[in-house]
PDB file of N, CA and C in Angstrom:
ATOM      1  N   MET A   1     256.308 210.654 320.644  1.00  0.00           N
ATOM      2  CA  MET A   1     256.881 211.907 320.221  1.00  0.00           C
ATOM      3  C   MET A   1     257.955 212.297 321.240  1.00  0.00           C
ATOM      4  N   ALA A   2     259.091 212.695 320.743  1.00  0.00           N
ATOM      5  CA  ALA A   2     260.195 213.084 321.619  1.00  0.00           C
ATOM      6  C   ALA A   2     259.885 214.404 322.320  1.00  0.00           C
ATOM      7  N   GLN A   3     260.293 214.486 323.552  1.00  0.00           N
ATOM      8  CA  GLN A   3     260.099 215.702 324.348  1.00  0.00           C
ATOM      9  C   GLN A   3     261.424 216.457 324.397  1.00  0.00           C
ATOM     10  N   ILE A   4     261.365 217.761 324.315  1.00  0.00           N
ATOM     11  CA  ILE A   4     262.546 218.609 324.416  1.00  0.00           C
ATOM     12  C   ILE A   4     262.334 219.569 325.568  1.00  0.00           C
ATOM     13  N   LYS A   5     263.306 219.638 326.424  1.00  0.00           N
ATOM     14  CA  LYS A   5     263.223 220.537 327.567  1.00  0.00           C
ATOM     15  C   LYS A   5     263.814 221.878 327.149  1.00  0.00           C
ATOM     16  N   THR A   6     263.153 222.973 327.523  1.00  0.00           N
ATOM     17  CA  THR A   6     263.620 224.307 327.172  1.00  0.00           C
ATOM     18  C   THR A   6     263.324 225.260 328.309  1.00  0.00           C
ATOM     19  N   ALA A   7     264.007 226.364 328.296  1.00  0.00           N
ATOM     20  CA  ALA A   7     263.760 227.404 329.301  1.00  0.00           C
ATOM     21  C   ALA A   7     263.279 228.648 328.568  1.00  0.00           C
ATOM     22  N   ILE A   8     262.285 229.307 329.144  1.00  0.00           N
ATOM     23  CA  ILE A   8     261.766 230.544 328.547  1.00  0.00           C
ATOM     24  C   ILE A   8     261.689 231.614 329.624  1.00  0.00           C
ATOM     25  N   SER A   9     261.683 232.836 329.195  1.00  0.00           N
ATOM     26  CA  SER A   9     261.502 233.962 330.115  1.00  0.00           C
ATOM     27  C   SER A   9     260.184 234.638 329.777  1.00  0.00           C
ATOM     28  N   ILE A  10     259.342 234.815 330.792  1.00  0.00           N
ATOM     29  CA  ILE A  10     258.056 235.489 330.591  1.00  0.00           C
ATOM     30  C   ILE A  10     257.829 236.472 331.740  1.00  0.00           C
ATOM     31  N   ASP A  11     256.940 237.384 331.489  1.00  0.00           N
ATOM     32  CA  ASP A  11     256.567 238.384 332.487  1.00  0.00           C
ATOM     33  C   ASP A  11     256.011 237.694 333.731  1.00  0.00           C
ATOM     34  N   GLU A  12     256.312 238.246 334.882  1.00  0.00           N
ATOM     35  CA  GLU A  12     255.888 237.654 336.155  1.00  0.00           C
ATOM     36  C   GLU A  12     254.368 237.553 336.255  1.00  0.00           C
ATOM     37  N   THR A  13     253.666 238.578 335.789  1.00  0.00           N
ATOM     38  CA  THR A  13     252.197 238.563 335.825  1.00  0.00           C
ATOM     39  C   THR A  13     251.644 237.444 334.953  1.00  0.00           C
ATOM     40  N   LEU A  14     252.195 237.304 333.752  1.00  0.00           N
ATOM     41  CA  LEU A  14     251.764 236.239 332.847  1.00  0.00           C
ATOM     42  C   LEU A  14     252.050 234.867 333.459  1.00  0.00           C
ATOM     43  N   PHE A  15     253.208 234.740 334.091  1.00  0.00           N
ATOM     44  CA  PHE A  15     253.557 233.484 334.757  1.00  0.00           C
ATOM     45  C   PHE A  15     252.523 233.142 335.834  1.00  0.00           C
ATOM     46  N   GLY A  16     252.162 234.123 336.633  1.00  0.00           N
ATOM     47  CA  GLY A  16     251.171 233.899 337.683  1.00  0.00           C
ATOM     48  C   GLY A  16     249.826 233.480 337.124  1.00  0.00           C
ATOM     49  N   GLN A  17     249.411 234.125 336.065  1.00  0.00           N
ATOM     50  CA  GLN A  17     248.138 233.765 335.429  1.00  0.00           C
ATOM     51  C   GLN A  17     248.191 232.339 334.886  1.00  0.00           C
ATOM     52  N   ALA A  18     249.321 231.986 334.289  1.00  0.00           N
ATOM     53  CA  ALA A  18     249.478 230.633 333.748  1.00  0.00           C
ATOM     54  C   ALA A  18     249.453 229.604 334.869  1.00  0.00           C
ATOM     55  N   GLU A  19     250.102 229.912 335.958  1.00  0.00           N
ATOM     56  CA  GLU A  19     250.093 229.002 337.108  1.00  0.00           C
ATOM     57  C   GLU A  19     248.668 228.752 337.578  1.00  0.00           C
ATOM     58  N   GLN A  20     247.890 229.819 337.670  1.00  0.00           N
ATOM     59  CA  GLN A  20     246.506 229.699 338.132  1.00  0.00           C
ATOM     60  C   GLN A  20     245.678 228.849 337.167  1.00  0.00           C
ATOM     61  N   VAL A  21     245.823 229.110 335.885  1.00  0.00           N
ATOM     62  CA  VAL A  21     245.059 228.343 334.893  1.00  0.00           C
ATOM     63  C   VAL A  21     245.478 226.879 334.915  1.00  0.00           C
ATOM     64  N   ALA A  22     246.773 226.618 335.008  1.00  0.00           N
ATOM     65  CA  ALA A  22     247.250 225.231 335.058  1.00  0.00           C
ATOM     66  C   ALA A  22     246.645 224.503 336.253  1.00  0.00           C
ATOM     67  N   GLN A  23     246.590 225.159 337.406  1.00  0.00           N
ATOM     68  CA  GLN A  23     245.993 224.547 338.591  1.00  0.00           C
ATOM     69  C   GLN A  23     244.504 224.287 338.394  1.00  0.00           C
ATOM     70  N   GLU A  24     243.809 225.277 337.804  1.00  0.00           N
ATOM     71  CA  GLU A  24     242.375 225.121 337.562  1.00  0.00           C
ATOM     72  C   GLU A  24     242.086 223.959 336.615  1.00  0.00           C
ATOM     73  N   LEU A  25     242.959 223.772 335.654  1.00  0.00           N
ATOM     74  CA  LEU A  25     242.764 222.707 334.668  1.00  0.00           C
ATOM     75  C   LEU A  25     243.416 221.387 335.084  1.00  0.00           C
ATOM     76  N   HIS A  26     244.027 221.384 336.266  1.00  0.00           N
ATOM     77  CA  HIS A  26     244.692 220.185 336.785  1.00  0.00           C
ATOM     78  C   HIS A  26     245.717 219.642 335.791  1.00  0.00           C
ATOM     79  N   MET A  27     246.571 220.545 335.318  1.00  0.00           N
ATOM     80  CA  MET A  27     247.618 220.136 334.386  1.00  0.00           C
ATOM     81  C   MET A  27     248.928 220.795 334.791  1.00  0.00           C
ATOM     82  N   SER A  28     249.989 220.241 334.306  1.00  0.00           N
ATOM     83  CA  SER A  28     251.301 220.808 334.624  1.00  0.00           C
ATOM     84  C   SER A  28     251.497 222.102 333.840  1.00  0.00           C
ATOM     85  N   ARG A  29     252.413 222.906 334.329  1.00  0.00           N
ATOM     86  CA  ARG A  29     252.770 224.138 333.637  1.00  0.00           C
ATOM     87  C   ARG A  29     253.272 223.810 332.230  1.00  0.00           C
ATOM     88  N   SER A  30     254.101 222.777 332.129  1.00  0.00           N
ATOM     89  CA  SER A  30     254.631 222.381 330.811  1.00  0.00           C
ATOM     90  C   SER A  30     253.505 222.001 329.856  1.00  0.00           C
ATOM     91  N   ALA A  31     252.529 221.257 330.347  1.00  0.00           N
ATOM     92  CA  ALA A  31     251.398 220.856 329.492  1.00  0.00           C
ATOM     93  C   ALA A  31     250.605 222.081 329.052  1.00  0.00           C
ATOM     94  N   LEU A  32     250.415 223.023 329.960  1.00  0.00           N
ATOM     95  CA  LEU A  32     249.692 224.248 329.608  1.00  0.00           C
ATOM     96  C   LEU A  32     250.436 225.023 328.529  1.00  0.00           C
ATOM     97  N   TYR A  33     251.735 225.201 328.717  1.00  0.00           N
ATOM     98  CA  TYR A  33     252.517 225.946 327.727  1.00  0.00           C
ATOM     99  C   TYR A  33     252.525 225.230 326.380  1.00  0.00           C
ATOM    100  N   ALA A  34     252.650 223.908 326.414  1.00  0.00           N
ATOM    101  CA  ALA A  34     252.652 223.146 325.168  1.00  0.00           C
ATOM    102  C   ALA A  34     251.305 223.277 324.454  1.00  0.00           C
ATOM    103  N   ARG A  35     250.213 223.199 325.224  1.00  0.00           N
ATOM    104  CA  ARG A  35     248.877 223.330 324.636  1.00  0.00           C
ATOM    105  C   ARG A  35     248.677 224.734 324.058  1.00  0.00           C
ATOM    106  N   ALA A  36     249.125 225.739 324.790  1.00  0.00           N
ATOM    107  CA  ALA A  36     248.971 227.120 324.324  1.00  0.00           C
ATOM    108  C   ALA A  36     249.778 227.353 323.049  1.00  0.00           C
ATOM    109  N   LEU A  37     250.992 226.833 322.999  1.00  0.00           N
ATOM    110  CA  LEU A  37     251.819 226.988 321.805  1.00  0.00           C
ATOM    111  C   LEU A  37     251.211 226.247 320.631  1.00  0.00           C
ATOM    112  N   ASP A  38     250.702 225.048 320.874  1.00  0.00           N
ATOM    113  CA  ASP A  38     250.053 224.277 319.815  1.00  0.00           C
ATOM    114  C   ASP A  38     248.864 225.045 319.240  1.00  0.00           C
ATOM    115  N   GLU A  39     248.039 225.603 320.114  1.00  0.00           N
ATOM    116  CA  GLU A  39     246.878 226.378 319.658  1.00  0.00           C
ATOM    117  C   GLU A  39     247.307 227.605 318.866  1.00  0.00           C
ATOM    118  N   PHE A  40     248.328 228.298 319.347  1.00  0.00           N
ATOM    119  CA  PHE A  40     248.834 229.469 318.639  1.00  0.00           C
ATOM    120  C   PHE A  40     249.306 229.092 317.237  1.00  0.00           C
ATOM    121  N   LEU A  41     250.082 228.009 317.121  1.00  0.00           N
ATOM    122  CA  LEU A  41     250.599 227.590 315.822  1.00  0.00           C
ATOM    123  C   LEU A  41     249.488 227.158 314.881  1.00  0.00           C
ATOM    124  N   ARG A  42     248.463 226.489 315.412  1.00  0.00           N
ATOM    125  CA  ARG A  42     247.324 226.087 314.572  1.00  0.00           C
ATOM    126  C   ARG A  42     246.563 227.310 314.051  1.00  0.00           C
ATOM    127  N   LYS A  43     246.325 228.282 314.934  1.00  0.00           N
ATOM    128  CA  LYS A  43     245.612 229.492 314.510  1.00  0.00           C
ATOM    129  C   LYS A  43     246.426 230.271 313.480  1.00  0.00           C
ATOM    130  N   ARG A  44     247.732 230.288 313.681  1.00  0.00           N
ATOM    131  CA  ARG A  44     248.607 230.989 312.728  1.00  0.00           C
ATOM    132  C   ARG A  44     248.553 230.307 311.362  1.00  0.00           C
ATOM    133  N   ALA A  45     248.613 228.983 311.341  1.00  0.00           N
ATOM    134  CA  ALA A  45     248.523 228.236 310.091  1.00  0.00           C
ATOM    135  C   ALA A  45     247.171 228.459 309.430  1.00  0.00           C
ATOM    136  N   GLN A  46     246.113 228.472 310.231  1.00  0.00           N
ATOM    137  CA  GLN A  46     244.768 228.705 309.698  1.00  0.00           C
ATOM    138  C   GLN A  46     244.678 230.115 309.109  1.00  0.00           C
ATOM    139  N   GLY A  47     245.293 231.079 309.780  1.00  0.00           N
ATOM    140  CA  GLY A  47     245.296 232.446 309.266  1.00  0.00           C
ATOM    141  C   GLY A  47     246.020 232.535 307.940  1.00  0.00           C
ATOM    142  N   ARG A  48     247.111 231.815 307.818  1.00  0.00           N
ATOM    143  CA  ARG A  48     247.844 231.806 306.541  1.00  0.00           C
ATOM    144  C   ARG A  48     247.005 231.171 305.441  1.00  0.00           C
ATOM    145  N   LEU A  49     246.315 230.090 305.779  1.00  0.00           N
ATOM    146  CA  LEU A  49     245.454 229.445 304.799  1.00  0.00           C
ATOM    147  C   LEU A  49     244.343 230.401 304.363  1.00  0.00           C
ATOM    148  N   THR A  50     243.765 231.117 305.313  1.00  0.00           N
ATOM    149  CA  THR A  50     242.725 232.095 304.992  1.00  0.00           C
ATOM    150  C   THR A  50     243.271 233.178 304.068  1.00  0.00           C
ATOM    151  N   GLU A  51     244.478 233.658 304.350  1.00  0.00           N
ATOM    152  CA  GLU A  51     245.106 234.664 303.486  1.00  0.00           C
ATOM    153  C   GLU A  51     245.306 234.123 302.075  1.00  0.00           C
ATOM    154  N   GLU A  52     245.754 232.867 301.962  1.00  0.00           N
ATOM    155  CA  GLU A  52     245.958 232.271 300.652  1.00  0.00           C
ATOM    156  C   GLU A  52     244.639 232.112 299.895  1.00  0.00           C
ATOM    157  N   LEU A  53     243.596 231.699 300.610  1.00  0.00           N
ATOM    158  CA  LEU A  53     242.286 231.570 299.969  1.00  0.00           C
ATOM    159  C   LEU A  53     241.744 232.927 299.541  1.00  0.00           C
ATOM    160  N   ASN A  54     241.904 233.931 300.392  1.00  0.00           N
ATOM    161  CA  ASN A  54     241.460 235.274 300.030  1.00  0.00           C
ATOM    162  C   ASN A  54     242.194 235.774 298.793  1.00  0.00           C
ATOM    163  N   ALA A  55     243.482 235.508 298.718  1.00  0.00           N
ATOM    164  CA  ALA A  55     244.253 235.926 297.553  1.00  0.00           C
ATOM    165  C   ALA A  55     243.785 235.187 296.298  1.00  0.00           C
ATOM    166  N   ALA A  56     243.455 233.904 296.462  1.00  0.00           N
ATOM    167  CA  ALA A  56     243.010 233.113 295.314  1.00  0.00           C
ATOM    168  C   ALA A  56     241.648 233.567 294.803  1.00  0.00           C
ATOM    169  N   TYR A  57     240.813 234.079 295.707  1.00  0.00           N
ATOM    170  CA  TYR A  57     239.456 234.474 295.332  1.00  0.00           C
ATOM    171  C   TYR A  57     239.242 235.980 295.443  1.00  0.00           C
ATOM    172  N   ASP A  58     240.262 236.755 295.158  1.00  0.00           N
ATOM    173  CA  ASP A  58     240.154 238.204 295.330  1.00  0.00           C
ATOM    174  C   ASP A  58     239.462 238.904 294.169  1.00  0.00           C
ATOM    175  N   GLY A  59     239.023 238.150 293.184  1.00  0.00           N
ATOM    176  CA  GLY A  59     238.275 238.744 292.085  1.00  0.00           C
ATOM    177  C   GLY A  59     239.127 239.120 290.893  1.00  0.00           C
ATOM    178  N   THR A  60     240.437 239.043 291.014  1.00  0.00           N
ATOM    179  CA  THR A  60     241.289 239.340 289.867  1.00  0.00           C
ATOM    180  C   THR A  60     241.404 238.098 289.000  1.00  0.00           C
ATOM    181  N   ILE A  61     241.541 238.311 287.724  1.00  0.00           N
ATOM    182  CA  ILE A  61     241.622 237.214 286.772  1.00  0.00           C
ATOM    183  C   ILE A  61     243.028 237.207 286.185  1.00  0.00           C
ATOM    184  N   ASP A  62     243.636 236.044 286.169  1.00  0.00           N
ATOM    185  CA  ASP A  62     244.979 235.987 285.598  1.00  0.00           C
ATOM    186  C   ASP A  62     244.879 236.109 284.073  1.00  0.00           C
ATOM    187  N   PRO A  63     245.944 236.502 283.407  1.00  0.00           N
ATOM    188  CA  PRO A  63     245.901 236.776 281.960  1.00  0.00           C
ATOM    189  C   PRO A  63     245.409 235.599 281.126  1.00  0.00           C
ATOM    190  N   GLU A  64     245.777 234.388 281.496  1.00  0.00           N
ATOM    191  CA  GLU A  64     245.337 233.218 280.737  1.00  0.00           C
ATOM    192  C   GLU A  64     243.824 233.049 280.812  1.00  0.00           C
ATOM    193  N   ASP A  65     243.260 233.221 281.988  1.00  0.00           N
ATOM    194  CA  ASP A  65     241.811 233.120 282.145  1.00  0.00           C
ATOM    195  C   ASP A  65     241.098 234.261 281.422  1.00  0.00           C
ATOM    196  N   ALA A  66     241.682 235.453 281.474  1.00  0.00           N
ATOM    197  CA  ALA A  66     241.077 236.598 280.781  1.00  0.00           C
ATOM    198  C   ALA A  66     241.005 236.335 279.288  1.00  0.00           C
ATOM    199  N   LEU A  67     242.061 235.775 278.729  1.00  0.00           N
ATOM    200  CA  LEU A  67     242.077 235.448 277.299  1.00  0.00           C
ATOM    201  C   LEU A  67     241.008 234.410 276.980  1.00  0.00           C
ATOM    202  N   MET A  68     240.887 233.392 277.816  1.00  0.00           N
ATOM    203  CA  MET A  68     239.880 232.359 277.604  1.00  0.00           C
ATOM    204  C   MET A  68     238.472 232.961 277.682  1.00  0.00           C
ATOM    205  N   LEU A  69     238.237 233.840 278.647  1.00  0.00           N
ATOM    206  CA  LEU A  69     236.914 234.467 278.772  1.00  0.00           C
ATOM    207  C   LEU A  69     236.577 235.318 277.554  1.00  0.00           C
ATOM    208  N   ARG A  70     237.551 236.060 277.035  1.00  0.00           N
ATOM    209  CA  ARG A  70     237.309 236.860 275.831  1.00  0.00           C
ATOM    210  C   ARG A  70     236.909 235.957 274.668  1.00  0.00           C
ATOM    211  N   GLY A  71     237.609 234.819 274.525  1.00  0.00           N
ATOM    212  CA  GLY A  71     237.276 233.871 273.462  1.00  0.00           C
ATOM    213  C   GLY A  71     235.883 233.294 273.644  1.00  0.00           C
ATOM    214  N   MET A  72     235.524 232.976 274.860  1.00  0.00           N
ATOM    215  CA  MET A  72     234.199 232.426 275.132  1.00  0.00           C
ATOM    216  C   MET A  72     233.109 233.453 274.828  1.00  0.00           C
ATOM    217  N   ARG A  73     233.356 234.700 275.211  1.00  0.00           N
ATOM    218  CA  ARG A  73     232.357 235.752 274.946  1.00  0.00           C
ATOM    219  C   ARG A  73     232.180 235.964 273.445  1.00  0.00           C
ATOM    220  N   GLU A  74     233.301 235.962 272.720  1.00  0.00           N
ATOM    221  CA  GLU A  74     233.230 236.145 271.270  1.00  0.00           C
ATOM    222  C   GLU A  74     232.467 234.987 270.629  1.00  0.00           C
ATOM    223  N   ARG A  75     232.740 233.778 271.053  1.00  0.00           N
ATOM    224  CA  ARG A  75     232.045 232.599 270.514  1.00  0.00           C
ATOM    225  C   ARG A  75     230.551 232.677 270.844  1.00  0.00           C
ATOM    226  N   GLN A  76     230.215 233.079 272.045  1.00  0.00           N
ATOM    227  CA  GLN A  76     228.816 233.211 272.441  1.00  0.00           C
ATOM    228  C   GLN A  76     228.122 234.293 271.606  1.00  0.00           C
ATOM    229  N   ARG A  77     228.827 235.403 271.369  1.00  0.00           N
ATOM    230  CA  ARG A  77     228.274 236.489 270.558  1.00  0.00           C
ATOM    231  C   ARG A  77     227.976 236.001 269.140  1.00  0.00           C
ATOM    232  N   ARG A  78     228.921 235.255 268.549  1.00  0.00           N
ATOM    233  CA  ARG A  78     228.720 234.727 267.195  1.00  0.00           C
ATOM    234  C   ARG A  78     227.560 233.748 267.146  1.00  0.00           C
ATOM    235  N   MET A  79     227.459 232.898 268.176  1.00  0.00           N
ATOM    236  CA  MET A  79     226.369 231.929 268.214  1.00  0.00           C
ATOM    237  C   MET A  79     225.022 232.646 268.327  1.00  0.00           C
ATOM    238  N   ALA A  80     224.955 233.716 269.101  1.00  0.00           N
ATOM    239  CA  ALA A  80     223.709 234.475 269.243  1.00  0.00           C
ATOM    240  C   ALA A  80     223.343 235.162 267.934  1.00  0.00           C
ATOM    241  N   ASP A  81     224.363 235.674 267.236  1.00  0.00           N
ATOM    242  CA  ASP A  81     224.109 236.335 265.938  1.00  0.00           C
ATOM    243  C   ASP A  81     223.620 235.338 264.895  1.00  0.00           C
ATOM    244  N   GLU A  82     224.090 234.084 264.988  1.00  0.00           N
ATOM    245  CA  GLU A  82     223.714 233.073 264.009  1.00  0.00           C
ATOM    246  C   GLU A  82     222.347 232.440 264.295  1.00  0.00           C
ATOM    247  N   ASP A  83     221.838 232.618 265.483  1.00  0.00           N
ATOM    248  CA  ASP A  83     220.562 232.020 265.876  1.00  0.00           C
ATOM    249  C   ASP A  83     219.435 232.784 265.193  1.00  0.00           C
ATOM    250  N   PRO A  84     218.584 232.126 264.408  1.00  0.00           N
ATOM    251  CA  PRO A  84     217.541 232.830 263.642  1.00  0.00           C
ATOM    252  C   PRO A  84     216.358 233.303 264.462  1.00  0.00           C
ATOM    253  N   TRP A  85     216.159 232.885 265.622  1.00  0.00           N
ATOM    254  CA  TRP A  85     214.938 233.274 266.323  1.00  0.00           C
ATOM    255  C   TRP A  85     215.142 234.577 266.922  1.00  0.00           C
TER     256      TRP A  85
END
Protein backbone atom coordinates (compact mmCIF):
# COMPACT_ATOMS: atom_id res chain seq x y z
CA MET A 1 0.00 0.00 0.00
CA ALA A 2 1.38 3.40 -0.95
CA GLN A 3 2.21 5.78 1.87
CA ILE A 4 1.38 9.48 1.66
CA LYS A 5 3.11 12.01 3.83
CA THR A 6 0.92 14.81 5.21
CA ALA A 7 1.07 17.56 7.78
CA ILE A 8 -1.69 18.21 10.30
CA SER A 9 -2.27 20.77 13.00
CA ILE A 10 -3.57 19.60 16.37
CA ASP A 11 -3.92 21.04 19.84
CA GLU A 12 -0.73 20.91 21.90
CA THR A 13 -2.43 18.96 24.71
CA LEU A 14 -3.75 16.36 22.27
CA PHE A 15 -0.30 16.11 20.70
CA GLY A 16 1.25 15.45 24.10
CA GLN A 17 -1.30 12.77 24.91
CA ALA A 18 -0.68 11.11 21.55
CA GLU A 19 3.06 11.17 22.12
CA GLN A 20 2.60 9.45 25.47
CA VAL A 21 0.30 6.78 24.06
CA ALA A 22 2.63 6.14 21.11
CA GLN A 23 5.53 5.62 23.53
CA GLU A 24 3.46 3.33 25.74
CA LEU A 25 2.47 1.24 22.74
CA HIS A 26 6.00 1.29 21.30
CA MET A 27 4.83 2.69 17.99
CA SER A 28 5.63 5.72 15.92
CA ARG A 29 3.47 8.81 16.03
CA SER A 30 2.57 8.20 12.37
CA ALA A 31 1.45 4.64 13.13
CA LEU A 32 -0.66 5.86 16.04
CA TYR A 33 -2.35 8.53 13.93
CA ALA A 34 -2.93 6.09 11.09
CA ARG A 35 -4.44 3.52 13.49
CA ALA A 36 -6.64 6.15 15.13
CA LEU A 37 -7.89 7.42 11.76
CA ASP A 38 -8.55 3.87 10.57
CA GLU A 39 -10.59 3.14 13.70
CA PHE A 40 -12.53 6.38 13.34
CA LEU A 41 -13.38 5.63 9.70
CA ARG A 42 -14.46 2.07 10.53
CA LYS A 43 -16.73 3.26 13.36
CA ARG A 44 -18.18 5.92 11.09
CA ALA A 45 -18.91 3.34 8.38
CA GLN A 46 -20.45 1.03 10.98
CA GLY A 47 -22.61 3.89 12.23
CA ARG A 48 -23.84 4.55 8.71
CA LEU A 49 -24.64 0.88 8.25
CA THR A 50 -26.57 0.91 11.53
CA GLU A 51 -28.52 3.97 10.36
CA GLU A 52 -29.36 2.23 7.08
CA LEU A 53 -30.49 -0.91 8.89
CA ASN A 54 -32.59 1.12 11.32
CA ALA A 55 -34.22 2.90 8.40
CA ALA A 56 -34.90 -0.42 6.67
CA TYR A 57 -36.51 -1.88 9.79
CA ASP A 58 -38.28 1.19 11.15
CA GLY A 59 -41.68 -0.46 10.97
CA THR A 60 -43.02 1.49 8.01
CA ILE A 61 -44.34 -0.48 5.08
CA ASP A 62 -43.79 0.68 1.54
CA PRO A 63 -46.92 1.02 -0.65
CA GLU A 64 -46.20 -2.12 -2.67
CA ASP A 65 -45.92 -4.27 0.46
CA ALA A 66 -49.03 -2.66 1.95
CA LEU A 67 -51.00 -3.58 -1.17
CA MET A 68 -49.71 -7.15 -1.02
CA LEU A 69 -50.63 -7.44 2.68
CA ARG A 70 -54.17 -6.18 2.02
CA GLY A 71 -54.54 -8.83 -0.70
CA MET A 72 -53.22 -11.54 1.59
CA ARG A 73 -55.59 -10.52 4.39
CA GLU A 74 -58.55 -10.50 2.02
CA ARG A 75 -57.63 -13.95 0.68
CA GLN A 76 -57.21 -15.28 4.23
CA ARG A 77 -60.59 -13.80 5.21
CA ARG A 78 -62.29 -15.50 2.24
CA MET A 79 -60.61 -18.81 3.02
CA ALA A 80 -61.79 -18.61 6.65
CA ASP A 81 -65.34 -17.80 5.52
CA GLU A 82 -65.31 -20.79 3.15
CA ASP A 83 -64.06 -23.23 5.80
CA PRO A 84 -67.08 -25.24 7.07
CA TRP A 85 -65.80 -26.08 10.51
